[in-house]
All heavy atoms as atom14 arrays in JSON, in Angstrom:
{
  "sequence": "VVIGFSSFYIYTKYVATNGLIIKEKRIVSNRLPKSFDSTKIIHF",
  "atom14_mask": [
    [1, 1, 1, 1, 1, 1, 1, 0, 0, 0, 0, 0, 0, 0],
    [1, 1, 1, 1, 1, 1, 1, 0, 0, 0, 0, 0, 0, 0],
    [1, 1, 1, 1, 1, 1, 1, 1, 0, 0, 0, 0, 0, 0],
    [1, 1, 1, 1, 0, 0, 0, 0, 0, 0, 0, 0, 0, 0],
    [1, 1, 1, 1, 1, 1, 1, 1, 1, 1, 1, 0, 0, 0],
    [1, 1, 1, 1, 1, 1, 0, 0, 0, 0, 0, 0, 0, 0],
    [1, 1, 1, 1, 1, 1, 0, 0, 0, 0, 0, 0, 0, 0],
    [1, 1, 1, 1, 1, 1, 1, 1, 1, 1, 1, 0, 0, 0],
    [1, 1, 1, 1, 1, 1, 1, 1, 1, 1, 1, 1, 0, 0],
    [1, 1, 1, 1, 1, 1, 1, 1, 0, 0, 0, 0, 0, 0],
    [1, 1, 1, 1, 1, 1, 1, 1, 1, 1, 1, 1, 0, 0],
    [1, 1, 1, 1, 1, 1, 1, 0, 0, 0, 0, 0, 0, 0],
    [1, 1, 1, 1, 1, 1, 1, 1, 1, 0, 0, 0, 0, 0],
    [1, 1, 1, 1, 1, 1, 1, 1, 1, 1, 1, 1, 0, 0],
    [1, 1, 1, 1, 1, 1, 1, 0, 0, 0, 0, 0, 0, 0],
    [1, 1, 1, 1, 1, 0, 0, 0, 0, 0, 0, 0, 0, 0],
    [1, 1, 1, 1, 1, 1, 1, 0, 0, 0, 0, 0, 0, 0],
    [1, 1, 1, 1, 1, 1, 1, 1, 0, 0, 0, 0, 0, 0],
    [1, 1, 1, 1, 0, 0, 0, 0, 0, 0, 0, 0, 0, 0],
    [1, 1, 1, 1, 1, 1, 1, 1, 0, 0, 0, 0, 0, 0],
    [1, 1, 1, 1, 1, 1, 1, 1, 0, 0, 0, 0, 0, 0],
    [1, 1, 1, 1, 1, 1, 1, 1, 0, 0, 0, 0, 0, 0],
    [1, 1, 1, 1, 1, 1, 1, 1, 1, 0, 0, 0, 0, 0],
    [1, 1, 1, 1, 1, 1, 1, 1, 1, 0, 0, 0, 0, 0],
    [1, 1, 1, 1, 1, 1, 1, 1, 1, 0, 0, 0, 0, 0],
    [1, 1, 1, 1, 1, 1, 1, 1, 1, 1, 1, 0, 0, 0],
    [1, 1, 1, 1, 1, 1, 1, 1, 0, 0, 0, 0, 0, 0],
    [1, 1, 1, 1, 1, 1, 1, 0, 0, 0, 0, 0, 0, 0],
    [1, 1, 1, 1, 1, 1, 0, 0, 0, 0, 0, 0, 0, 0],
    [1, 1, 1, 1, 1, 1, 1, 1, 0, 0, 0, 0, 0, 0],
    [1, 1, 1, 1, 1, 1, 1, 1, 1, 1, 1, 0, 0, 0],
    [1, 1, 1, 1, 1, 1, 1, 1, 0, 0, 0, 0, 0, 0],
    [1, 1, 1, 1, 1, 1, 1, 0, 0, 0, 0, 0, 0, 0],
    [1, 1, 1, 1, 1, 1, 1, 1, 1, 0, 0, 0, 0, 0],
    [1, 1, 1, 1, 1, 1, 0, 0, 0, 0, 0, 0, 0, 0],
    [1, 1, 1, 1, 1, 1, 1, 1, 1, 1, 1, 0, 0, 0],
    [1, 1, 1, 1, 1, 1, 1, 1, 0, 0, 0, 0, 0, 0],
    [1, 1, 1, 1, 1, 1, 0, 0, 0, 0, 0, 0, 0, 0],
    [1, 1, 1, 1, 1, 1, 1, 0, 0, 0, 0, 0, 0, 0],
    [1, 1, 1, 1, 1, 1, 1, 1, 1, 0, 0, 0, 0, 0],
    [1, 1, 1, 1, 1, 1, 1, 1, 0, 0, 0, 0, 0, 0],
    [1, 1, 1, 1, 1, 1, 1, 1, 0, 0, 0, 0, 0, 0],
    [1, 1, 1, 1, 1, 1, 1, 1, 1, 1, 0, 0, 0, 0],
    [1, 1, 1, 1, 1, 1, 1, 1, 1, 1, 1, 0, 0, 0]
  ],
  "atom14_positions": [
    [[29.12, -43.03, -52.7], [30.4, -43.17, -52.0], [30.78, -41.87, -51.29], [31.18, -41.87, -50.13], [31.52, -43.58, -52.99], [32.89, -43.47, -52.31], [31.29, -45.0, -53.47], [0.0, 0.0, 0.0], [0.0, 0.0, 0.0], [0.0, 0.0, 0.0], [0.0, 0.0, 0.0], [0.0, 0.0, 0.0], [0.0, 0.0, 0.0], [0.0, 0.0, 0.0]],
    [[30.62, -40.75, -51.99], [30.96, -39.45, -51.41], [30.07, -39.14, -50.21], [30.56, -38.72, -49.15], [30.85, -38.33, -52.46], [30.97, -36.96, -51.8], [31.93, -38.49, -53.52], [0.0, 0.0, 0.0], [0.0, 0.0, 0.0], [0.0, 0.0, 0.0], [0.0, 0.0, 0.0], [0.0, 0.0, 0.0], [0.0, 0.0, 0.0], [0.0, 0.0, 0.0]],
    [[28.76, -39.36, -50.39], [27.82, -39.13, -49.28], [28.13, -40.06, -48.11], [28.14, -39.65, -46.94], [26.37, -39.32, -49.75], [25.98, -38.22, -50.74], [25.42, -39.31, -48.56], [26.02, -36.81, -50.18], [0.0, 0.0, 0.0], [0.0, 0.0, 0.0], [0.0, 0.0, 0.0], [0.0, 0.0, 0.0], [0.0, 0.0, 0.0], [0.0, 0.0, 0.0]],
    [[28.4, -41.34, -48.44], [28.69, -42.31, -47.38], [29.96, -41.96, -46.63], [30.0, -41.98, -45.4], [0.0, 0.0, 0.0], [0.0, 0.0, 0.0], [0.0, 0.0, 0.0], [0.0, 0.0, 0.0], [0.0, 0.0, 0.0], [0.0, 0.0, 0.0], [0.0, 0.0, 0.0], [0.0, 0.0, 0.0], [0.0, 0.0, 0.0], [0.0, 0.0, 0.0]],
    [[31.01, -41.61, -47.38], [32.28, -41.24, -46.74], [32.12, -39.96, -45.92], [32.62, -39.87, -44.79], [33.36, -41.04, -47.8], [34.68, -40.62, -47.23], [35.54, -41.55, -46.65], [35.07, -39.28, -47.23], [36.75, -41.17, -46.1], [36.28, -38.89, -46.68], [37.13, -39.84, -46.12], [0.0, 0.0, 0.0], [0.0, 0.0, 0.0], [0.0, 0.0, 0.0]],
    [[31.41, -38.99, -46.48], [31.2, -37.72, -45.77], [30.41, -37.95, -44.49], [30.73, -37.38, -43.44], [30.46, -36.72, -46.66], [31.21, -36.43, -47.82], [0.0, 0.0, 0.0], [0.0, 0.0, 0.0], [0.0, 0.0, 0.0], [0.0, 0.0, 0.0], [0.0, 0.0, 0.0], [0.0, 0.0, 0.0], [0.0, 0.0, 0.0], [0.0, 0.0, 0.0]],
    [[29.37, -38.79, -44.58], [28.55, -39.1, -43.4], [29.39, -39.81, -42.35], [29.3, -39.52, -41.15], [27.35, -39.96, -43.8], [26.53, -39.28, -44.71], [0.0, 0.0, 0.0], [0.0, 0.0, 0.0], [0.0, 0.0, 0.0], [0.0, 0.0, 0.0], [0.0, 0.0, 0.0], [0.0, 0.0, 0.0], [0.0, 0.0, 0.0], [0.0, 0.0, 0.0]],
    [[30.21, -40.78, -42.8], [31.07, -41.51, -41.88], [32.07, -40.57, -41.21], [32.31, -40.65, -40.01], [31.8, -42.62, -42.63], [32.7, -43.46, -41.77], [32.18, -44.45, -40.95], [34.08, -43.26, -41.76], [33.01, -45.22, -40.14], [34.91, -44.01, -40.96], [34.37, -45.0, -40.15], [0.0, 0.0, 0.0], [0.0, 0.0, 0.0], [0.0, 0.0, 0.0]],
    [[32.64, -39.67, -42.02], [33.61, -38.7, -41.49], [32.96, -37.8, -40.45], [33.5, -37.6, -39.35], [34.18, -37.85, -42.63], [35.14, -36.79, -42.17], [36.5, -37.07, -42.0], [34.7, -35.49, -41.89], [37.39, -36.1, -41.56], [35.59, -34.52, -41.46], [36.92, -34.82, -41.3], [37.79, -33.86, -40.86], [0.0, 0.0, 0.0], [0.0, 0.0, 0.0]],
    [[31.8, -37.26, -40.78], [31.09, -36.36, -39.86], [30.72, -37.09, -38.58], [30.89, -36.57, -37.47], [29.84, -35.77, -40.54], [30.27, -34.8, -41.65], [28.96, -35.04, -39.52], [29.13, -34.34, -42.52], [0.0, 0.0, 0.0], [0.0, 0.0, 0.0], [0.0, 0.0, 0.0], [0.0, 0.0, 0.0], [0.0, 0.0, 0.0], [0.0, 0.0, 0.0]],
    [[30.24, -38.34, -38.73], [29.83, -39.11, -37.55], [31.02, -39.42, -36.65], [30.98, -39.2, -35.43], [29.17, -40.42, -37.98], [28.8, -41.3, -36.8], [27.65, -41.04, -36.05], [29.62, -42.36, -36.43], [27.33, -41.83, -34.96], [29.31, -43.14, -35.33], [28.16, -42.87, -34.6], [27.86, -43.65, -33.52], [0.0, 0.0, 0.0], [0.0, 0.0, 0.0]],
    [[32.12, -39.95, -37.24], [33.26, -40.35, -36.42], [34.03, -39.17, -35.86], [34.64, -39.27, -34.8], [34.24, -41.23, -37.25], [34.64, -40.52, -38.43], [33.57, -42.53, -37.65], [0.0, 0.0, 0.0], [0.0, 0.0, 0.0], [0.0, 0.0, 0.0], [0.0, 0.0, 0.0], [0.0, 0.0, 0.0], [0.0, 0.0, 0.0], [0.0, 0.0, 0.0]],
    [[33.98, -38.04, -36.57], [34.73, -36.86, -36.15], [33.96, -36.0, -35.16], [34.53, -35.52, -34.17], [35.09, -36.02, -37.39], [35.81, -34.71, -37.09], [37.23, -34.91, -36.67], [37.97, -33.59, -36.56], [39.37, -33.76, -36.1], [0.0, 0.0, 0.0], [0.0, 0.0, 0.0], [0.0, 0.0, 0.0], [0.0, 0.0, 0.0], [0.0, 0.0, 0.0]],
    [[32.65, -35.82, -35.4], [31.89, -34.84, -34.62], [30.77, -35.44, -33.76], [30.38, -34.82, -32.78], [31.3, -33.78, -35.55], [32.34, -33.04, -36.34], [32.53, -33.29, -37.69], [33.17, -32.11, -35.73], [33.5, -32.62, -38.43], [34.15, -31.43, -36.45], [34.31, -31.69, -37.8], [35.27, -31.03, -38.52], [0.0, 0.0, 0.0], [0.0, 0.0, 0.0]],
    [[30.26, -36.59, -34.14], [29.16, -37.18, -33.37], [29.68, -38.21, -32.38], [29.42, -38.13, -31.17], [28.12, -37.84, -34.31], [27.0, -38.5, -33.49], [27.54, -36.8, -35.26], [0.0, 0.0, 0.0], [0.0, 0.0, 0.0], [0.0, 0.0, 0.0], [0.0, 0.0, 0.0], [0.0, 0.0, 0.0], [0.0, 0.0, 0.0], [0.0, 0.0, 0.0]],
    [[30.45, -39.18, -32.86], [30.93, -40.27, -32.0], [31.95, -39.81, -30.96], [32.18, -40.5, -29.98], [31.53, -41.38, -32.85], [0.0, 0.0, 0.0], [0.0, 0.0, 0.0], [0.0, 0.0, 0.0], [0.0, 0.0, 0.0], [0.0, 0.0, 0.0], [0.0, 0.0, 0.0], [0.0, 0.0, 0.0], [0.0, 0.0, 0.0], [0.0, 0.0, 0.0]],
    [[32.56, -38.65, -31.18], [33.51, -38.13, -30.19], [32.82, -37.31, -29.11], [33.45, -36.85, -28.17], [34.58, -37.25, -30.87], [33.94, -36.22, -31.61], [35.45, -38.07, -31.8], [0.0, 0.0, 0.0], [0.0, 0.0, 0.0], [0.0, 0.0, 0.0], [0.0, 0.0, 0.0], [0.0, 0.0, 0.0], [0.0, 0.0, 0.0], [0.0, 0.0, 0.0]],
    [[31.5, -37.14, -29.26], [30.71, -36.39, -28.29], [29.61, -37.29, -27.72], [29.61, -38.49, -27.95], [30.11, -35.14, -28.96], [31.18, -34.14, -29.33], [31.74, -33.47, -28.49], [31.47, -34.04, -30.63], [0.0, 0.0, 0.0], [0.0, 0.0, 0.0], [0.0, 0.0, 0.0], [0.0, 0.0, 0.0], [0.0, 0.0, 0.0], [0.0, 0.0, 0.0]],
    [[28.7, -36.7, -26.99], [27.6, -37.51, -26.45], [28.07, -38.47, -25.39], [27.9, -39.69, -25.49], [0.0, 0.0, 0.0], [0.0, 0.0, 0.0], [0.0, 0.0, 0.0], [0.0, 0.0, 0.0], [0.0, 0.0, 0.0], [0.0, 0.0, 0.0], [0.0, 0.0, 0.0], [0.0, 0.0, 0.0], [0.0, 0.0, 0.0], [0.0, 0.0, 0.0]],
    [[28.72, -37.93, -24.36], [29.27, -38.74, -23.27], [28.18, -39.61, -22.64], [27.09, -39.15, -22.34], [29.87, -37.82, -22.2], [30.59, -38.46, -21.03], [31.89, -39.11, -21.5], [30.88, -37.42, -19.96], [0.0, 0.0, 0.0], [0.0, 0.0, 0.0], [0.0, 0.0, 0.0], [0.0, 0.0, 0.0], [0.0, 0.0, 0.0], [0.0, 0.0, 0.0]],
    [[28.49, -40.9, -22.44], [27.55, -41.82, -21.83], [28.09, -42.31, -20.48], [29.3, -42.31, -20.26], [27.23, -43.03, -22.74], [28.51, -43.8, -23.08], [26.53, -42.57, -24.01], [28.27, -45.05, -23.9], [0.0, 0.0, 0.0], [0.0, 0.0, 0.0], [0.0, 0.0, 0.0], [0.0, 0.0, 0.0], [0.0, 0.0, 0.0], [0.0, 0.0, 0.0]],
    [[27.19, -42.73, -19.6], [27.55, -43.28, -18.3], [27.31, -44.79, -18.33], [26.21, -45.24, -18.61], [26.72, -42.65, -17.17], [26.81, -41.12, -17.21], [27.19, -43.19, -15.81], [28.17, -40.56, -16.93], [0.0, 0.0, 0.0], [0.0, 0.0, 0.0], [0.0, 0.0, 0.0], [0.0, 0.0, 0.0], [0.0, 0.0, 0.0], [0.0, 0.0, 0.0]],
    [[28.36, -45.55, -18.06], [28.23, -47.01, -18.0], [28.19, -47.42, -16.54], [29.18, -47.29, -15.82], [29.41, -47.67, -18.71], [29.49, -47.36, -20.2], [30.71, -48.03, -20.83], [30.81, -47.72, -22.31], [32.02, -48.33, -22.91], [0.0, 0.0, 0.0], [0.0, 0.0, 0.0], [0.0, 0.0, 0.0], [0.0, 0.0, 0.0], [0.0, 0.0, 0.0]],
    [[27.05, -47.93, -16.12], [26.88, -48.28, -14.71], [27.01, -49.79, -14.52], [26.4, -50.58, -15.25], [25.52, -47.79, -14.2], [25.33, -48.01, -12.72], [24.09, -47.31, -12.18], [23.52, -46.46, -12.9], [23.7, -47.62, -11.03], [0.0, 0.0, 0.0], [0.0, 0.0, 0.0], [0.0, 0.0, 0.0], [0.0, 0.0, 0.0], [0.0, 0.0, 0.0]],
    [[27.82, -50.18, -13.54], [28.05, -51.6, -13.25], [27.92, -51.85, -11.74], [28.29, -51.0, -10.93], [29.45, -52.02, -13.69], [29.77, -51.75, -15.15], [29.0, -52.64, -16.08], [29.42, -52.37, -17.53], [28.64, -53.21, -18.49], [0.0, 0.0, 0.0], [0.0, 0.0, 0.0], [0.0, 0.0, 0.0], [0.0, 0.0, 0.0], [0.0, 0.0, 0.0]],
    [[27.4, -53.0, -11.39], [27.32, -53.42, -10.0], [28.34, -54.52, -9.77], [28.37, -55.51, -10.5], [25.91, -53.92, -9.66], [25.66, -54.17, -8.18], [24.17, -54.35, -7.94], [23.86, -54.52, -6.53], [23.73, -55.7, -5.93], [23.87, -56.82, -6.63], [23.43, -55.77, -4.64], [0.0, 0.0, 0.0], [0.0, 0.0, 0.0], [0.0, 0.0, 0.0]],
    [[29.21, -54.35, -8.77], [30.27, -55.32, -8.49], [30.03, -55.93, -7.12], [29.99, -55.22, -6.12], [31.65, -54.63, -8.54], [31.9, -54.06, -9.95], [32.75, -55.61, -8.17], [33.14, -53.25, -10.06], [0.0, 0.0, 0.0], [0.0, 0.0, 0.0], [0.0, 0.0, 0.0], [0.0, 0.0, 0.0], [0.0, 0.0, 0.0], [0.0, 0.0, 0.0]],
    [[29.86, -57.24, -7.12], [29.54, -57.95, -5.88], [30.74, -58.77, -5.43], [31.36, -59.49, -6.22], [28.33, -58.88, -6.09], [28.01, -59.63, -4.79], [27.12, -58.09, -6.57], [0.0, 0.0, 0.0], [0.0, 0.0, 0.0], [0.0, 0.0, 0.0], [0.0, 0.0, 0.0], [0.0, 0.0, 0.0], [0.0, 0.0, 0.0], [0.0, 0.0, 0.0]],
    [[31.1, -58.64, -4.13], [32.19, -59.43, -3.58], [31.98, -59.61, -2.08], [31.75, -58.64, -1.36], [33.53, -58.74, -3.83], [34.58, -59.45, -3.17], [0.0, 0.0, 0.0], [0.0, 0.0, 0.0], [0.0, 0.0, 0.0], [0.0, 0.0, 0.0], [0.0, 0.0, 0.0], [0.0, 0.0, 0.0], [0.0, 0.0, 0.0], [0.0, 0.0, 0.0]],
    [[32.1, -60.86, -1.64], [31.98, -61.11, -0.2], [33.28, -60.77, 0.53], [33.36, -60.89, 1.75], [31.57, -62.56, 0.07], [32.54, -63.57, -0.54], [33.65, -63.22, -0.94], [32.11, -64.83, -0.63], [0.0, 0.0, 0.0], [0.0, 0.0, 0.0], [0.0, 0.0, 0.0], [0.0, 0.0, 0.0], [0.0, 0.0, 0.0], [0.0, 0.0, 0.0]],
    [[34.3, -60.34, -0.23], [35.55, -59.9, 0.39], [35.49, -58.45, 0.84], [36.37, -57.96, 1.56], [36.71, -60.08, -0.61], [37.16, -61.54, -0.74], [38.18, -61.74, -1.86], [39.2, -60.71, -1.92], [40.28, -60.64, -1.12], [40.44, -61.56, -0.15], [41.18, -59.69, -1.28], [0.0, 0.0, 0.0], [0.0, 0.0, 0.0], [0.0, 0.0, 0.0]],
    [[34.47, -57.74, 0.4], [34.31, -56.35, 0.8], [33.9, -56.24, 2.27], [33.02, -56.99, 2.72], [33.24, -55.68, -0.05], [33.65, -55.05, -1.38], [32.4, -54.72, -2.18], [34.49, -53.8, -1.15], [0.0, 0.0, 0.0], [0.0, 0.0, 0.0], [0.0, 0.0, 0.0], [0.0, 0.0, 0.0], [0.0, 0.0, 0.0], [0.0, 0.0, 0.0]],
    [[34.49, -55.31, 3.01], [33.97, -55.03, 4.36], [32.52, -54.54, 4.24], [32.16, -53.87, 3.27], [34.89, -53.91, 4.86], [36.13, -54.03, 4.04], [35.69, -54.51, 2.7], [0.0, 0.0, 0.0], [0.0, 0.0, 0.0], [0.0, 0.0, 0.0], [0.0, 0.0, 0.0], [0.0, 0.0, 0.0], [0.0, 0.0, 0.0], [0.0, 0.0, 0.0]],
    [[31.71, -54.87, 5.23], [30.3, -54.48, 5.17], [30.13, -52.96, 5.09], [29.15, -52.47, 4.51], [29.56, -55.02, 6.4], [29.4, -56.53, 6.38], [28.59, -57.02, 7.57], [28.4, -58.54, 7.51], [27.61, -59.03, 8.68], [0.0, 0.0, 0.0], [0.0, 0.0, 0.0], [0.0, 0.0, 0.0], [0.0, 0.0, 0.0], [0.0, 0.0, 0.0]],
    [[31.08, -52.23, 5.64], [30.97, -50.77, 5.61], [31.08, -50.22, 4.19], [30.68, -49.08, 3.92], [32.06, -50.14, 6.49], [33.35, -50.53, 6.05], [0.0, 0.0, 0.0], [0.0, 0.0, 0.0], [0.0, 0.0, 0.0], [0.0, 0.0, 0.0], [0.0, 0.0, 0.0], [0.0, 0.0, 0.0], [0.0, 0.0, 0.0], [0.0, 0.0, 0.0]],
    [[31.61, -51.02, 3.27], [31.75, -50.58, 1.87], [30.59, -51.01, 0.99], [30.6, -50.77, -0.22], [33.08, -51.06, 1.29], [34.25, -50.23, 1.71], [34.92, -50.51, 2.89], [34.68, -49.16, 0.94], [36.0, -49.74, 3.3], [35.76, -48.38, 1.34], [36.43, -48.67, 2.53], [0.0, 0.0, 0.0], [0.0, 0.0, 0.0], [0.0, 0.0, 0.0]],
    [[29.6, -51.65, 1.59], [28.41, -52.01, 0.82], [27.74, -50.73, 0.31], [27.58, -49.76, 1.06], [27.43, -52.79, 1.7], [26.29, -53.38, 0.9], [26.55, -53.99, -0.14], [25.13, -53.2, 1.31], [0.0, 0.0, 0.0], [0.0, 0.0, 0.0], [0.0, 0.0, 0.0], [0.0, 0.0, 0.0], [0.0, 0.0, 0.0], [0.0, 0.0, 0.0]],
    [[27.39, -50.7, -0.98], [26.76, -49.54, -1.64], [27.74, -48.39, -1.9], [27.31, -47.28, -2.22], [25.57, -49.02, -0.82], [24.59, -50.03, -0.67], [0.0, 0.0, 0.0], [0.0, 0.0, 0.0], [0.0, 0.0, 0.0], [0.0, 0.0, 0.0], [0.0, 0.0, 0.0], [0.0, 0.0, 0.0], [0.0, 0.0, 0.0], [0.0, 0.0, 0.0]],
    [[29.02, -48.66, -1.76], [30.02, -47.63, -2.09], [29.97, -47.33, -3.59], [29.88, -48.23, -4.42], [31.43, -48.1, -1.71], [31.5, -48.22, -0.28], [32.49, -47.12, -2.17], [0.0, 0.0, 0.0], [0.0, 0.0, 0.0], [0.0, 0.0, 0.0], [0.0, 0.0, 0.0], [0.0, 0.0, 0.0], [0.0, 0.0, 0.0], [0.0, 0.0, 0.0]],
    [[30.04, -46.05, -3.92], [29.96, -45.63, -5.32], [31.33, -45.11, -5.79], [31.94, -44.27, -5.13], [28.9, -44.55, -5.49], [27.49, -45.04, -5.24], [26.45, -43.95, -5.42], [26.48, -42.97, -4.27], [25.36, -41.98, -4.36], [0.0, 0.0, 0.0], [0.0, 0.0, 0.0], [0.0, 0.0, 0.0], [0.0, 0.0, 0.0], [0.0, 0.0, 0.0]],
    [[31.78, -45.66, -6.92], [33.06, -45.27, -7.5], [32.84, -44.75, -8.92], [32.2, -45.41, -9.75], [34.04, -46.45, -7.55], [34.35, -46.96, -6.13], [35.34, -46.05, -8.25], [35.24, -48.2, -6.1], [0.0, 0.0, 0.0], [0.0, 0.0, 0.0], [0.0, 0.0, 0.0], [0.0, 0.0, 0.0], [0.0, 0.0, 0.0], [0.0, 0.0, 0.0]],
    [[33.36, -43.57, -9.18], [33.38, -43.03, -10.54], [34.78, -43.19, -11.11], [35.77, -42.83, -10.47], [33.01, -41.53, -10.56], [31.52, -41.32, -10.25], [33.36, -40.91, -11.92], [30.58, -41.65, -11.39], [0.0, 0.0, 0.0], [0.0, 0.0, 0.0], [0.0, 0.0, 0.0], [0.0, 0.0, 0.0], [0.0, 0.0, 0.0], [0.0, 0.0, 0.0]],
    [[34.86, -43.77, -12.29], [36.15, -43.95, -12.97], [36.09, -43.25, -14.32], [35.24, -43.56, -15.15], [36.45, -45.44, -13.15], [37.63, -45.72, -14.03], [37.68, -46.8, -14.89], [38.82, -45.05, -14.2], [38.82, -46.79, -15.54], [39.53, -45.75, -15.14], [0.0, 0.0, 0.0], [0.0, 0.0, 0.0], [0.0, 0.0, 0.0], [0.0, 0.0, 0.0]],
    [[37.0, -42.29, -14.53], [37.11, -41.69, -15.86], [38.57, -41.61, -16.26], [39.47, -41.71, -15.43], [36.42, -40.31, -15.92], [37.09, -39.19, -15.18], [37.72, -38.17, -15.87], [37.07, -39.13, -13.78], [38.33, -37.11, -15.19], [37.67, -38.09, -13.1], [38.3, -37.07, -13.8], [0.0, 0.0, 0.0], [0.0, 0.0, 0.0], [0.0, 0.0, 0.0]]
  ]
}
């Protein structure tokens, strides 16, 4: 229990709060002007 709790604490406190990941999505819409085809948007 102590090892499990300590591991969970260390993971949630120091590991899971770091290691930034990039989530890439492709959004298709025929309402977009053609000039915006392949436009790249970063959201943070």
